[in-house]
N, C-alpha and C. Protein backbone atom coordinates (compact mmCIF):
# COMPACT_ATOMS: atom_id res chain seq x y z
N MET A 1 5.35 -0.81 -30.93
CA MET A 1 4.73 -1.49 -29.78
C MET A 1 3.61 -2.39 -30.28
N GLN A 2 3.71 -3.66 -29.96
CA GLN A 2 2.66 -4.62 -30.30
C GLN A 2 1.99 -5.08 -29.00
N VAL A 3 0.70 -4.88 -28.92
CA VAL A 3 -0.02 -5.12 -27.68
C VAL A 3 -1.05 -6.23 -27.86
N ALA A 4 -1.08 -7.15 -26.90
CA ALA A 4 -2.13 -8.17 -26.86
C ALA A 4 -2.68 -8.17 -25.45
N LYS A 5 -3.98 -7.99 -25.30
CA LYS A 5 -4.56 -7.94 -23.96
C LYS A 5 -5.91 -8.65 -23.95
N VAL A 6 -6.33 -9.06 -22.76
CA VAL A 6 -7.61 -9.73 -22.58
C VAL A 6 -8.40 -8.95 -21.54
N GLY A 7 -9.59 -8.50 -21.90
CA GLY A 7 -10.42 -7.78 -20.94
C GLY A 7 -10.46 -6.29 -21.22
N ALA A 8 -11.63 -5.70 -21.07
CA ALA A 8 -11.81 -4.27 -21.37
C ALA A 8 -11.11 -3.37 -20.37
N TYR A 9 -10.89 -3.84 -19.14
CA TYR A 9 -10.37 -2.98 -18.09
C TYR A 9 -8.86 -3.06 -17.93
N LYS A 10 -8.19 -3.75 -18.84
CA LYS A 10 -6.73 -3.79 -18.83
C LYS A 10 -6.22 -2.56 -19.60
N SER A 11 -6.06 -1.46 -18.89
CA SER A 11 -5.84 -0.19 -19.57
C SER A 11 -4.40 0.30 -19.59
N ALA A 12 -3.47 -0.45 -19.00
CA ALA A 12 -2.08 0.03 -18.90
C ALA A 12 -1.46 0.29 -20.27
N THR A 13 -1.89 -0.46 -21.29
CA THR A 13 -1.27 -0.32 -22.61
C THR A 13 -1.96 0.73 -23.49
N GLU A 14 -2.98 1.39 -22.96
CA GLU A 14 -3.71 2.37 -23.78
C GLU A 14 -2.84 3.55 -24.19
N GLN A 15 -1.79 3.81 -23.44
CA GLN A 15 -0.88 4.90 -23.81
C GLN A 15 -0.19 4.61 -25.14
N PHE A 16 -0.16 3.34 -25.53
CA PHE A 16 0.47 2.97 -26.79
C PHE A 16 -0.55 2.74 -27.91
N THR A 17 -1.80 2.49 -27.55
CA THR A 17 -2.78 2.09 -28.56
C THR A 17 -3.87 3.12 -28.83
N GLY A 18 -3.97 4.16 -28.01
CA GLY A 18 -5.04 5.14 -28.21
C GLY A 18 -4.55 6.56 -28.01
N ASP A 19 -5.42 7.50 -28.37
CA ASP A 19 -5.08 8.92 -28.20
C ASP A 19 -5.97 9.59 -27.16
N LYS A 20 -6.79 8.79 -26.46
CA LYS A 20 -7.61 9.31 -25.38
C LYS A 20 -8.01 8.17 -24.45
N MET A 21 -8.53 8.51 -23.30
CA MET A 21 -8.94 7.50 -22.33
C MET A 21 -10.15 6.73 -22.85
N SER A 22 -10.10 5.41 -22.72
CA SER A 22 -11.23 4.59 -23.14
C SER A 22 -12.37 4.72 -22.13
N GLU A 23 -13.57 4.39 -22.54
CA GLU A 23 -14.72 4.47 -21.64
C GLU A 23 -14.58 3.49 -20.48
N ALA A 24 -13.98 2.32 -20.75
CA ALA A 24 -13.79 1.33 -19.69
C ALA A 24 -12.83 1.86 -18.63
N ASP A 25 -11.73 2.48 -19.09
CA ASP A 25 -10.76 3.03 -18.14
C ASP A 25 -11.36 4.21 -17.38
N ARG A 26 -12.15 5.02 -18.08
CA ARG A 26 -12.80 6.15 -17.41
C ARG A 26 -13.75 5.64 -16.32
N GLU A 27 -14.46 4.56 -16.63
CA GLU A 27 -15.39 3.98 -15.67
C GLU A 27 -14.68 3.50 -14.42
N GLN A 28 -13.59 2.71 -14.61
CA GLN A 28 -12.92 2.15 -13.44
C GLN A 28 -12.16 3.22 -12.66
N THR A 29 -11.58 4.18 -13.36
CA THR A 29 -10.87 5.26 -12.68
C THR A 29 -11.83 6.12 -11.86
N THR A 30 -12.97 6.44 -12.45
CA THR A 30 -13.99 7.20 -11.73
C THR A 30 -14.49 6.45 -10.51
N ALA A 31 -14.62 5.13 -10.65
CA ALA A 31 -15.14 4.31 -9.55
C ALA A 31 -14.19 4.31 -8.36
N TYR A 32 -12.88 4.06 -8.60
CA TYR A 32 -11.99 3.95 -7.44
C TYR A 32 -11.63 5.32 -6.86
N ILE A 33 -11.51 6.34 -7.72
CA ILE A 33 -11.24 7.68 -7.19
C ILE A 33 -12.45 8.19 -6.41
N GLY A 34 -13.65 7.94 -6.95
CA GLY A 34 -14.87 8.35 -6.26
C GLY A 34 -15.02 7.67 -4.91
N SER A 35 -14.68 6.38 -4.86
CA SER A 35 -14.77 5.63 -3.61
C SER A 35 -13.80 6.17 -2.57
N ILE A 36 -12.57 6.45 -2.99
CA ILE A 36 -11.57 7.00 -2.07
C ILE A 36 -12.02 8.36 -1.54
N TRP A 37 -12.54 9.20 -2.45
CA TRP A 37 -12.96 10.54 -2.05
C TRP A 37 -14.14 10.48 -1.07
N LYS A 38 -15.07 9.57 -1.27
CA LYS A 38 -16.20 9.44 -0.35
C LYS A 38 -15.72 9.04 1.04
N ASN A 39 -14.74 8.15 1.11
CA ASN A 39 -14.20 7.75 2.41
C ASN A 39 -13.50 8.91 3.10
N ILE A 40 -12.76 9.70 2.31
CA ILE A 40 -12.08 10.88 2.87
C ILE A 40 -13.11 11.86 3.42
N LEU A 41 -14.15 12.14 2.63
CA LEU A 41 -15.20 13.06 3.07
C LEU A 41 -15.85 12.58 4.36
N LYS A 42 -16.15 11.29 4.41
CA LYS A 42 -16.83 10.73 5.58
C LYS A 42 -15.99 10.90 6.84
N GLU A 43 -14.72 10.55 6.77
CA GLU A 43 -13.86 10.59 7.95
C GLU A 43 -13.54 12.02 8.37
N VAL A 44 -13.25 12.89 7.40
CA VAL A 44 -12.93 14.29 7.72
C VAL A 44 -14.17 15.00 8.26
N SER A 45 -15.32 14.72 7.67
CA SER A 45 -16.57 15.31 8.13
C SER A 45 -16.84 14.95 9.58
N LYS A 46 -16.60 13.70 9.92
CA LYS A 46 -16.82 13.22 11.28
C LYS A 46 -15.81 13.83 12.25
N ALA A 47 -14.55 13.90 11.83
CA ALA A 47 -13.49 14.39 12.71
C ALA A 47 -13.56 15.90 12.94
N ARG A 48 -13.94 16.65 11.89
CA ARG A 48 -13.93 18.11 12.00
C ARG A 48 -15.32 18.71 12.19
N ASN A 49 -16.33 17.85 12.26
CA ASN A 49 -17.71 18.32 12.45
C ASN A 49 -18.12 19.30 11.35
N LEU A 50 -17.82 18.91 10.12
CA LEU A 50 -18.17 19.72 8.94
C LEU A 50 -19.00 18.86 7.99
N SER A 51 -19.91 19.49 7.27
CA SER A 51 -20.73 18.74 6.32
C SER A 51 -19.90 18.36 5.10
N THR A 52 -20.29 17.27 4.44
CA THR A 52 -19.57 16.86 3.23
C THR A 52 -19.73 17.91 2.13
N GLY A 53 -20.88 18.61 2.14
CA GLY A 53 -21.09 19.67 1.16
C GLY A 53 -20.09 20.79 1.34
N LYS A 54 -19.83 21.17 2.61
CA LYS A 54 -18.85 22.23 2.89
C LYS A 54 -17.44 21.78 2.50
N LEU A 55 -17.12 20.51 2.75
CA LEU A 55 -15.80 19.99 2.38
C LEU A 55 -15.61 19.98 0.88
N ASN A 56 -16.66 19.60 0.14
CA ASN A 56 -16.59 19.64 -1.32
C ASN A 56 -16.40 21.08 -1.81
N GLU A 57 -17.05 22.00 -1.14
CA GLU A 57 -16.90 23.42 -1.49
C GLU A 57 -15.47 23.88 -1.29
N TYR A 58 -14.87 23.46 -0.16
CA TYR A 58 -13.47 23.80 0.10
C TYR A 58 -12.56 23.21 -0.99
N ALA A 59 -12.81 21.94 -1.32
CA ALA A 59 -11.97 21.26 -2.31
C ALA A 59 -12.03 21.93 -3.67
N ASP A 60 -13.20 22.48 -4.01
CA ASP A 60 -13.38 23.12 -5.31
C ASP A 60 -12.86 24.55 -5.35
N SER A 61 -12.45 25.09 -4.20
CA SER A 61 -12.03 26.49 -4.15
C SER A 61 -10.52 26.67 -4.01
N LEU A 62 -9.76 25.61 -4.24
CA LEU A 62 -8.30 25.67 -4.24
C LEU A 62 -7.75 26.23 -2.93
N ILE A 63 -8.20 25.70 -1.80
CA ILE A 63 -7.74 26.21 -0.51
C ILE A 63 -6.31 25.78 -0.21
N THR A 64 -5.71 24.99 -1.09
CA THR A 64 -4.31 24.61 -0.90
C THR A 64 -3.43 25.84 -0.79
N PHE A 65 -3.82 26.91 -1.47
CA PHE A 65 -3.02 28.13 -1.50
C PHE A 65 -3.46 29.15 -0.45
N ALA A 66 -4.37 28.74 0.45
CA ALA A 66 -4.85 29.66 1.47
C ALA A 66 -3.83 29.81 2.60
N ALA A 67 -3.97 30.90 3.36
CA ALA A 67 -3.08 31.12 4.51
C ALA A 67 -3.47 30.18 5.64
N ALA A 68 -2.52 29.93 6.53
CA ALA A 68 -2.77 29.02 7.65
C ALA A 68 -3.92 29.51 8.51
N GLU A 69 -4.04 30.82 8.66
CA GLU A 69 -5.13 31.38 9.47
C GLU A 69 -6.49 31.04 8.89
N ASP A 70 -6.54 30.92 7.57
CA ASP A 70 -7.81 30.58 6.92
C ASP A 70 -8.24 29.15 7.26
N TYR A 71 -7.26 28.25 7.35
CA TYR A 71 -7.58 26.88 7.73
C TYR A 71 -8.21 26.82 9.11
N LEU A 72 -7.74 27.71 10.00
CA LEU A 72 -8.30 27.77 11.35
C LEU A 72 -9.75 28.23 11.31
N LYS A 73 -10.03 29.23 10.48
CA LYS A 73 -11.40 29.73 10.35
C LYS A 73 -12.31 28.67 9.73
N MET A 74 -11.75 27.86 8.84
CA MET A 74 -12.54 26.81 8.19
C MET A 74 -12.73 25.58 9.07
N LYS A 75 -12.11 25.58 10.26
CA LYS A 75 -12.19 24.47 11.22
C LYS A 75 -11.49 23.21 10.71
N LEU A 76 -10.53 23.41 9.83
CA LEU A 76 -9.78 22.27 9.32
C LEU A 76 -8.58 21.94 10.20
N ILE A 77 -8.13 22.90 11.00
CA ILE A 77 -7.02 22.68 11.93
C ILE A 77 -7.41 23.23 13.30
N ASP A 78 -6.70 22.79 14.33
CA ASP A 78 -6.98 23.24 15.70
C ASP A 78 -6.14 24.45 16.09
N GLY A 79 -5.04 24.66 15.40
CA GLY A 79 -4.17 25.77 15.75
C GLY A 79 -2.93 25.76 14.88
N THR A 80 -2.07 26.75 15.06
CA THR A 80 -0.83 26.85 14.29
C THR A 80 0.35 26.89 15.25
N LEU A 81 1.41 26.18 14.92
CA LEU A 81 2.60 26.11 15.76
C LEU A 81 3.85 26.11 14.89
N TYR A 82 4.94 26.63 15.44
CA TYR A 82 6.24 26.51 14.80
C TYR A 82 6.83 25.14 15.17
N THR A 83 7.87 24.75 14.47
CA THR A 83 8.45 23.42 14.67
C THR A 83 8.89 23.19 16.10
N ASP A 84 9.55 24.18 16.71
CA ASP A 84 10.03 24.00 18.08
C ASP A 84 8.87 23.89 19.06
N GLN A 85 7.75 24.54 18.74
CA GLN A 85 6.58 24.48 19.62
C GLN A 85 5.90 23.11 19.56
N ILE A 86 6.04 22.43 18.43
CA ILE A 86 5.45 21.10 18.29
C ILE A 86 6.07 20.13 19.29
N LYS A 87 7.38 20.23 19.49
CA LYS A 87 8.05 19.35 20.46
C LYS A 87 7.49 19.57 21.86
N ASN A 88 7.25 20.83 22.21
CA ASN A 88 6.69 21.11 23.53
C ASN A 88 5.28 20.53 23.67
N GLU A 89 4.50 20.59 22.59
CA GLU A 89 3.15 20.04 22.62
C GLU A 89 3.19 18.52 22.79
N ILE A 90 4.13 17.87 22.11
CA ILE A 90 4.27 16.42 22.25
C ILE A 90 4.65 16.04 23.66
N LYS A 91 5.55 16.83 24.27
CA LYS A 91 5.96 16.56 25.65
C LYS A 91 4.78 16.67 26.60
N LYS A 92 3.91 17.63 26.37
CA LYS A 92 2.73 17.78 27.21
C LYS A 92 1.83 16.55 27.11
N ARG A 93 1.64 16.08 25.90
CA ARG A 93 0.76 14.93 25.69
C ARG A 93 1.38 13.64 26.24
N LEU A 94 2.71 13.58 26.25
CA LEU A 94 3.40 12.40 26.80
C LEU A 94 3.68 12.56 28.29
N GLU A 95 3.26 13.72 28.83
CA GLU A 95 3.47 14.02 30.25
C GLU A 95 4.95 13.98 30.61
N LEU A 96 5.76 14.59 29.74
CA LEU A 96 7.20 14.68 29.98
C LEU A 96 7.55 16.08 30.49
N LYS A 97 8.61 16.14 31.27
CA LYS A 97 9.10 17.43 31.74
C LYS A 97 9.85 18.13 30.61
N ASP A 98 9.97 19.45 30.74
CA ASP A 98 10.66 20.22 29.70
C ASP A 98 12.11 19.77 29.54
N SER A 99 12.70 19.28 30.62
CA SER A 99 14.11 18.86 30.58
C SER A 99 14.29 17.46 30.00
N GLU A 100 13.20 16.72 29.85
CA GLU A 100 13.28 15.35 29.34
C GLU A 100 13.27 15.32 27.81
N ASP A 101 13.91 14.29 27.26
CA ASP A 101 13.95 14.12 25.81
C ASP A 101 12.81 13.22 25.34
N ILE A 102 12.42 13.41 24.10
CA ILE A 102 11.39 12.56 23.49
C ILE A 102 12.10 11.39 22.82
N ASN A 103 11.73 10.19 23.21
CA ASN A 103 12.33 9.01 22.59
C ASN A 103 11.83 8.88 21.16
N GLN A 104 12.74 8.86 20.22
CA GLN A 104 12.38 8.79 18.81
C GLN A 104 13.18 7.71 18.11
N VAL A 105 12.60 7.18 17.05
CA VAL A 105 13.29 6.19 16.23
C VAL A 105 12.98 6.48 14.77
N SER A 106 13.98 6.43 13.93
CA SER A 106 13.80 6.71 12.50
C SER A 106 13.68 5.40 11.73
N LEU A 107 13.29 5.50 10.44
CA LEU A 107 13.23 4.32 9.60
C LEU A 107 14.61 3.68 9.45
N ALA A 108 15.65 4.53 9.41
CA ALA A 108 17.01 4.01 9.29
C ALA A 108 17.39 3.21 10.53
N ASP A 109 16.95 3.71 11.71
CA ASP A 109 17.24 2.97 12.95
C ASP A 109 16.59 1.60 12.94
N MET A 110 15.34 1.55 12.48
CA MET A 110 14.63 0.27 12.45
C MET A 110 15.24 -0.67 11.42
N ALA A 111 15.72 -0.11 10.31
CA ALA A 111 16.33 -0.94 9.27
C ALA A 111 17.61 -1.59 9.76
N ASP A 112 18.29 -0.93 10.71
CA ASP A 112 19.56 -1.46 11.23
C ASP A 112 19.36 -2.51 12.31
N GLU A 113 18.11 -2.68 12.76
CA GLU A 113 17.85 -3.67 13.79
C GLU A 113 18.05 -5.08 13.23
N PRO A 114 18.79 -5.93 13.93
CA PRO A 114 18.98 -7.31 13.44
C PRO A 114 17.69 -8.09 13.50
N ASP A 115 17.43 -8.87 12.47
CA ASP A 115 16.18 -9.62 12.38
C ASP A 115 16.25 -10.95 13.13
N ASP A 116 17.30 -11.72 12.85
CA ASP A 116 17.37 -13.07 13.38
C ASP A 116 17.43 -13.08 14.91
N GLU A 117 18.24 -12.17 15.50
CA GLU A 117 18.40 -12.18 16.94
C GLU A 117 17.14 -11.66 17.64
N ALA A 118 16.45 -10.75 16.99
CA ALA A 118 15.29 -10.13 17.63
C ALA A 118 14.11 -11.09 17.73
N TYR A 119 13.99 -12.01 16.77
CA TYR A 119 12.85 -12.93 16.75
C TYR A 119 13.36 -14.36 16.69
N SER A 120 13.64 -14.89 17.86
CA SER A 120 14.25 -16.22 17.91
C SER A 120 13.32 -17.25 18.55
N GLY A 121 12.04 -16.88 18.77
CA GLY A 121 11.11 -17.81 19.39
C GLY A 121 10.72 -18.94 18.46
N ASP A 122 10.07 -19.94 19.03
CA ASP A 122 9.66 -21.11 18.25
C ASP A 122 8.35 -20.88 17.51
N ASP A 123 7.53 -19.95 17.99
CA ASP A 123 6.24 -19.66 17.36
C ASP A 123 6.29 -18.25 16.76
N GLN A 124 6.39 -18.18 15.43
CA GLN A 124 6.53 -16.90 14.76
C GLN A 124 5.45 -16.73 13.69
N ILE A 125 5.07 -15.47 13.46
CA ILE A 125 4.21 -15.12 12.33
C ILE A 125 5.05 -14.28 11.38
N ALA A 126 5.27 -14.75 10.18
CA ALA A 126 6.09 -14.03 9.20
C ALA A 126 5.23 -13.05 8.40
N ILE A 127 5.74 -11.85 8.21
CA ILE A 127 5.08 -10.86 7.35
C ILE A 127 5.96 -10.68 6.12
N TYR A 128 5.42 -11.07 4.96
CA TYR A 128 6.20 -11.01 3.72
C TYR A 128 5.70 -9.83 2.88
N TYR A 129 6.59 -8.89 2.59
CA TYR A 129 6.22 -7.70 1.83
C TYR A 129 6.53 -7.89 0.35
N ALA A 130 5.52 -7.65 -0.48
CA ALA A 130 5.68 -7.75 -1.94
C ALA A 130 5.20 -6.44 -2.55
N TYR A 131 6.14 -5.55 -2.91
CA TYR A 131 5.82 -4.22 -3.43
C TYR A 131 6.35 -4.06 -4.85
N GLY A 132 5.55 -3.45 -5.72
CA GLY A 132 6.01 -3.09 -7.05
C GLY A 132 5.36 -3.88 -8.17
N ASP A 133 5.95 -3.78 -9.35
CA ASP A 133 5.45 -4.49 -10.53
C ASP A 133 5.82 -5.97 -10.43
N ILE A 134 4.95 -6.83 -10.93
CA ILE A 134 5.18 -8.27 -10.89
C ILE A 134 5.97 -8.68 -12.13
N VAL A 135 7.18 -9.18 -11.94
CA VAL A 135 8.05 -9.56 -13.06
C VAL A 135 8.63 -10.94 -12.81
N ASP A 136 9.28 -11.47 -13.82
CA ASP A 136 9.88 -12.80 -13.72
C ASP A 136 11.38 -12.70 -13.95
N GLY A 137 12.11 -12.39 -12.90
CA GLY A 137 13.57 -12.34 -12.96
C GLY A 137 14.09 -11.39 -14.02
N ALA A 138 15.07 -11.87 -14.79
CA ALA A 138 15.68 -11.06 -15.84
C ALA A 138 14.68 -10.67 -16.91
N ALA A 139 13.57 -11.42 -17.00
CA ALA A 139 12.55 -11.11 -17.99
C ALA A 139 11.85 -9.80 -17.69
N GLY A 140 12.11 -9.25 -16.50
CA GLY A 140 11.49 -7.99 -16.14
C GLY A 140 11.94 -6.83 -16.99
N GLY A 141 13.13 -6.96 -17.64
CA GLY A 141 13.61 -5.92 -18.53
C GLY A 141 13.71 -4.57 -17.84
N PHE A 142 13.02 -3.58 -18.38
CA PHE A 142 13.04 -2.22 -17.83
C PHE A 142 12.62 -2.21 -16.38
N PHE A 143 11.60 -3.01 -16.03
CA PHE A 143 11.05 -3.00 -14.68
C PHE A 143 12.02 -3.58 -13.67
N SER A 144 13.06 -4.31 -14.14
CA SER A 144 14.00 -4.90 -13.21
C SER A 144 14.88 -3.85 -12.56
N ARG A 145 14.85 -2.61 -13.09
CA ARG A 145 15.69 -1.55 -12.55
C ARG A 145 14.99 -0.77 -11.44
N LYS A 146 13.78 -1.11 -11.15
CA LYS A 146 13.10 -0.42 -10.05
C LYS A 146 12.47 -1.45 -9.13
N GLN A 147 11.87 -1.00 -8.04
CA GLN A 147 11.30 -1.92 -7.07
C GLN A 147 10.24 -2.79 -7.73
N ASN A 148 10.34 -4.08 -7.52
CA ASN A 148 9.39 -4.97 -8.16
C ASN A 148 9.19 -6.23 -7.33
N ILE A 149 8.26 -7.05 -7.80
CA ILE A 149 8.00 -8.36 -7.19
C ILE A 149 8.54 -9.40 -8.15
N ASP A 150 9.73 -9.87 -7.90
CA ASP A 150 10.39 -10.85 -8.77
C ASP A 150 9.89 -12.24 -8.40
N ALA A 151 9.16 -12.87 -9.30
CA ALA A 151 8.55 -14.17 -9.01
C ALA A 151 9.59 -15.21 -8.61
N GLN A 152 10.74 -15.18 -9.25
CA GLN A 152 11.76 -16.19 -8.94
C GLN A 152 12.24 -16.06 -7.50
N THR A 153 12.40 -14.83 -7.03
CA THR A 153 12.83 -14.60 -5.65
C THR A 153 11.70 -14.90 -4.67
N VAL A 154 10.50 -14.41 -5.00
CA VAL A 154 9.36 -14.59 -4.11
C VAL A 154 9.05 -16.08 -3.91
N CYS A 155 9.09 -16.84 -4.98
CA CYS A 155 8.77 -18.26 -4.88
C CYS A 155 9.76 -19.00 -3.98
N LYS A 156 11.03 -18.64 -4.09
CA LYS A 156 12.04 -19.27 -3.23
C LYS A 156 11.79 -18.90 -1.77
N ASP A 157 11.45 -17.63 -1.54
CA ASP A 157 11.18 -17.18 -0.17
C ASP A 157 9.96 -17.89 0.42
N LEU A 158 8.92 -18.04 -0.39
CA LEU A 158 7.70 -18.71 0.09
C LEU A 158 7.97 -20.17 0.41
N GLU A 159 8.84 -20.79 -0.38
CA GLU A 159 9.18 -22.19 -0.12
C GLU A 159 9.95 -22.31 1.20
N LYS A 160 10.83 -21.34 1.48
CA LYS A 160 11.57 -21.35 2.74
C LYS A 160 10.62 -21.17 3.92
N LEU A 161 9.64 -20.28 3.77
CA LEU A 161 8.66 -20.07 4.84
C LEU A 161 7.83 -21.33 5.08
N LYS A 162 7.54 -22.04 4.00
CA LYS A 162 6.77 -23.29 4.11
C LYS A 162 7.54 -24.34 4.91
N ASP A 163 8.84 -24.38 4.70
CA ASP A 163 9.65 -25.41 5.34
C ASP A 163 10.14 -25.00 6.73
N ASP A 164 9.98 -23.75 7.09
CA ASP A 164 10.45 -23.25 8.38
C ASP A 164 9.43 -23.62 9.47
N GLU A 165 9.81 -24.56 10.33
CA GLU A 165 8.89 -25.05 11.36
C GLU A 165 8.58 -24.00 12.42
N LYS A 166 9.44 -23.00 12.58
CA LYS A 166 9.20 -21.95 13.57
C LYS A 166 8.10 -20.99 13.12
N VAL A 167 7.92 -20.87 11.81
CA VAL A 167 6.89 -19.98 11.27
C VAL A 167 5.56 -20.72 11.27
N LYS A 168 4.61 -20.24 12.07
CA LYS A 168 3.32 -20.90 12.21
C LYS A 168 2.26 -20.34 11.27
N ALA A 169 2.47 -19.11 10.77
CA ALA A 169 1.52 -18.48 9.84
C ALA A 169 2.24 -17.38 9.07
N VAL A 170 1.67 -17.01 7.93
CA VAL A 170 2.31 -16.00 7.07
C VAL A 170 1.29 -14.94 6.66
N VAL A 171 1.68 -13.68 6.79
CA VAL A 171 0.90 -12.56 6.26
C VAL A 171 1.58 -12.10 4.98
N PHE A 172 0.86 -12.20 3.87
CA PHE A 172 1.42 -11.82 2.57
C PHE A 172 0.92 -10.42 2.26
N ARG A 173 1.77 -9.42 2.47
CA ARG A 173 1.42 -8.00 2.28
C ARG A 173 1.79 -7.58 0.86
N ILE A 174 0.77 -7.29 0.04
CA ILE A 174 1.04 -6.97 -1.36
C ILE A 174 0.56 -5.57 -1.70
N ASN A 175 1.39 -4.85 -2.45
CA ASN A 175 1.06 -3.51 -2.92
C ASN A 175 1.56 -3.44 -4.36
N SER A 176 0.66 -3.68 -5.31
CA SER A 176 1.08 -3.82 -6.70
C SER A 176 -0.01 -3.40 -7.66
N GLY A 177 0.41 -2.89 -8.79
CA GLY A 177 -0.52 -2.56 -9.86
C GLY A 177 -0.67 -3.69 -10.87
N GLY A 178 -0.03 -4.83 -10.59
CA GLY A 178 -0.11 -5.96 -11.52
C GLY A 178 1.20 -6.16 -12.27
N GLY A 179 1.14 -6.90 -13.35
CA GLY A 179 2.34 -7.16 -14.14
C GLY A 179 2.24 -8.46 -14.91
N SER A 180 3.31 -9.22 -14.93
CA SER A 180 3.39 -10.45 -15.71
C SER A 180 2.40 -11.50 -15.23
N ALA A 181 1.57 -11.98 -16.15
CA ALA A 181 0.60 -13.03 -15.81
C ALA A 181 1.32 -14.33 -15.48
N TYR A 182 2.39 -14.64 -16.21
CA TYR A 182 3.15 -15.87 -15.96
C TYR A 182 3.78 -15.83 -14.57
N ALA A 183 4.43 -14.70 -14.24
CA ALA A 183 5.06 -14.57 -12.93
C ALA A 183 4.03 -14.65 -11.82
N SER A 184 2.87 -14.05 -12.04
CA SER A 184 1.80 -14.07 -11.04
C SER A 184 1.32 -15.50 -10.79
N GLU A 185 1.21 -16.27 -11.86
CA GLU A 185 0.76 -17.66 -11.74
C GLU A 185 1.74 -18.48 -10.90
N GLN A 186 3.05 -18.23 -11.09
CA GLN A 186 4.05 -18.96 -10.32
C GLN A 186 3.94 -18.63 -8.83
N ILE A 187 3.76 -17.34 -8.53
CA ILE A 187 3.62 -16.91 -7.13
C ILE A 187 2.37 -17.53 -6.52
N TRP A 188 1.28 -17.52 -7.29
CA TRP A 188 0.03 -18.08 -6.77
C TRP A 188 0.19 -19.56 -6.43
N HIS A 189 0.90 -20.30 -7.28
CA HIS A 189 1.12 -21.73 -7.03
C HIS A 189 1.84 -21.94 -5.70
N TYR A 190 2.86 -21.14 -5.43
CA TYR A 190 3.61 -21.30 -4.20
C TYR A 190 2.80 -20.88 -2.98
N ILE A 191 1.90 -19.89 -3.16
CA ILE A 191 1.02 -19.50 -2.07
C ILE A 191 0.07 -20.65 -1.74
N VAL A 192 -0.46 -21.30 -2.77
CA VAL A 192 -1.34 -22.45 -2.57
C VAL A 192 -0.62 -23.56 -1.81
N GLU A 193 0.62 -23.82 -2.19
CA GLU A 193 1.41 -24.85 -1.51
C GLU A 193 1.69 -24.45 -0.07
N LEU A 194 1.96 -23.17 0.14
CA LEU A 194 2.22 -22.67 1.49
C LEU A 194 1.00 -22.83 2.38
N ARG A 195 -0.18 -22.59 1.80
CA ARG A 195 -1.44 -22.71 2.56
C ARG A 195 -1.71 -24.15 3.00
N LYS A 196 -1.14 -25.11 2.30
CA LYS A 196 -1.33 -26.50 2.70
C LYS A 196 -0.58 -26.81 4.00
N ALA A 197 0.45 -25.99 4.28
CA ALA A 197 1.29 -26.25 5.45
C ALA A 197 0.92 -25.37 6.64
N LYS A 198 0.44 -24.14 6.38
CA LYS A 198 0.15 -23.21 7.48
C LYS A 198 -0.77 -22.11 6.99
N PRO A 199 -1.45 -21.42 7.91
CA PRO A 199 -2.37 -20.34 7.50
C PRO A 199 -1.66 -19.21 6.77
N VAL A 200 -2.32 -18.68 5.73
CA VAL A 200 -1.80 -17.54 4.98
C VAL A 200 -2.89 -16.48 4.89
N VAL A 201 -2.54 -15.25 5.27
CA VAL A 201 -3.47 -14.13 5.19
C VAL A 201 -2.92 -13.12 4.21
N VAL A 202 -3.73 -12.68 3.25
CA VAL A 202 -3.31 -11.69 2.27
C VAL A 202 -3.76 -10.31 2.73
N SER A 203 -2.83 -9.39 2.83
CA SER A 203 -3.12 -8.01 3.20
C SER A 203 -2.80 -7.12 2.01
N MET A 204 -3.77 -6.33 1.56
CA MET A 204 -3.60 -5.52 0.35
C MET A 204 -3.31 -4.07 0.69
N GLY A 205 -2.32 -3.50 0.02
CA GLY A 205 -1.91 -2.12 0.27
C GLY A 205 -2.71 -1.11 -0.51
N GLY A 206 -2.18 0.13 -0.56
CA GLY A 206 -2.90 1.24 -1.19
C GLY A 206 -3.14 1.04 -2.67
N MET A 207 -2.20 0.41 -3.38
CA MET A 207 -2.39 0.13 -4.80
C MET A 207 -2.53 -1.38 -4.94
N ALA A 208 -3.58 -1.90 -4.38
CA ALA A 208 -3.76 -3.35 -4.34
C ALA A 208 -4.55 -3.81 -5.55
N ALA A 209 -3.84 -3.98 -6.65
CA ALA A 209 -4.49 -4.47 -7.86
C ALA A 209 -3.77 -5.72 -8.36
N PRO A 210 -3.49 -6.67 -7.45
CA PRO A 210 -2.77 -7.87 -7.87
C PRO A 210 -3.73 -8.86 -8.53
N GLU A 211 -4.47 -8.38 -9.54
CA GLU A 211 -5.51 -9.22 -10.11
C GLU A 211 -4.96 -10.48 -10.74
N ASP A 212 -3.72 -10.42 -11.19
CA ASP A 212 -3.14 -11.61 -11.83
C ASP A 212 -2.92 -12.71 -10.80
N ILE A 213 -2.40 -12.35 -9.63
CA ILE A 213 -2.15 -13.34 -8.59
C ILE A 213 -3.47 -13.86 -8.03
N MET A 214 -4.43 -12.96 -7.81
CA MET A 214 -5.64 -13.32 -7.11
C MET A 214 -6.72 -13.91 -8.02
N SER A 215 -6.55 -13.81 -9.34
CA SER A 215 -7.60 -14.27 -10.25
C SER A 215 -7.86 -15.76 -10.09
N GLN A 216 -6.80 -16.53 -9.91
CA GLN A 216 -6.96 -17.97 -9.73
C GLN A 216 -7.73 -18.26 -8.44
N HIS A 217 -7.50 -17.43 -7.42
CA HIS A 217 -8.21 -17.60 -6.16
C HIS A 217 -9.70 -17.36 -6.35
N ARG A 218 -10.05 -16.37 -7.15
CA ARG A 218 -11.47 -16.08 -7.37
C ARG A 218 -12.13 -17.21 -8.14
N GLN A 219 -11.37 -17.83 -9.04
CA GLN A 219 -11.94 -18.90 -9.86
C GLN A 219 -12.15 -20.18 -9.03
N THR A 220 -11.23 -20.40 -8.08
CA THR A 220 -11.30 -21.63 -7.31
C THR A 220 -12.06 -21.44 -6.00
N GLY A 221 -12.39 -20.14 -5.66
CA GLY A 221 -13.09 -19.89 -4.39
C GLY A 221 -12.15 -19.94 -3.23
């Protein structure tokens, strides 16, 4: 393995170049995990009326293996129900009769919904999902076998959105840990061109580290 990288915080290749975590990687990992944990503490503390100190105490005591009754005593849950009882509780909240069915839809049902017929208006907002590693077509190699952001495909799609007069704005939803700098640069170029024609909003997912795509944006403001 031959590695060339720029920047102290580019740690993906450390598995090939070191035998322990670098201080830079430890710093950034501690920062984002600490930030996530603080947000969790804040929201759970507010929702369950428990102090953050008590929640930290619970987290350090391996309560994952505790009995359900213990969660009730800890005020982490409101009660315990069997699966069939959950349906009855949902019906109560929806103000449905016991004889009525709960309307449900699965991911498979939504995937089968036709796109073109459902959204045929003249004023549309397109949501473009970009999930996975950033690669450049066949150059993705190993990464081409799993979910990825293929620059060649994405660029063609962005160009189509730019030329589609019915699409008035685009939401670019990205969830990525990064990848090819070259592929990222190509995607960024097409986003810039798309912005010349219509508004573009970037929405970042749970693993939003598309630093390669967004770096040019930071440099240009």
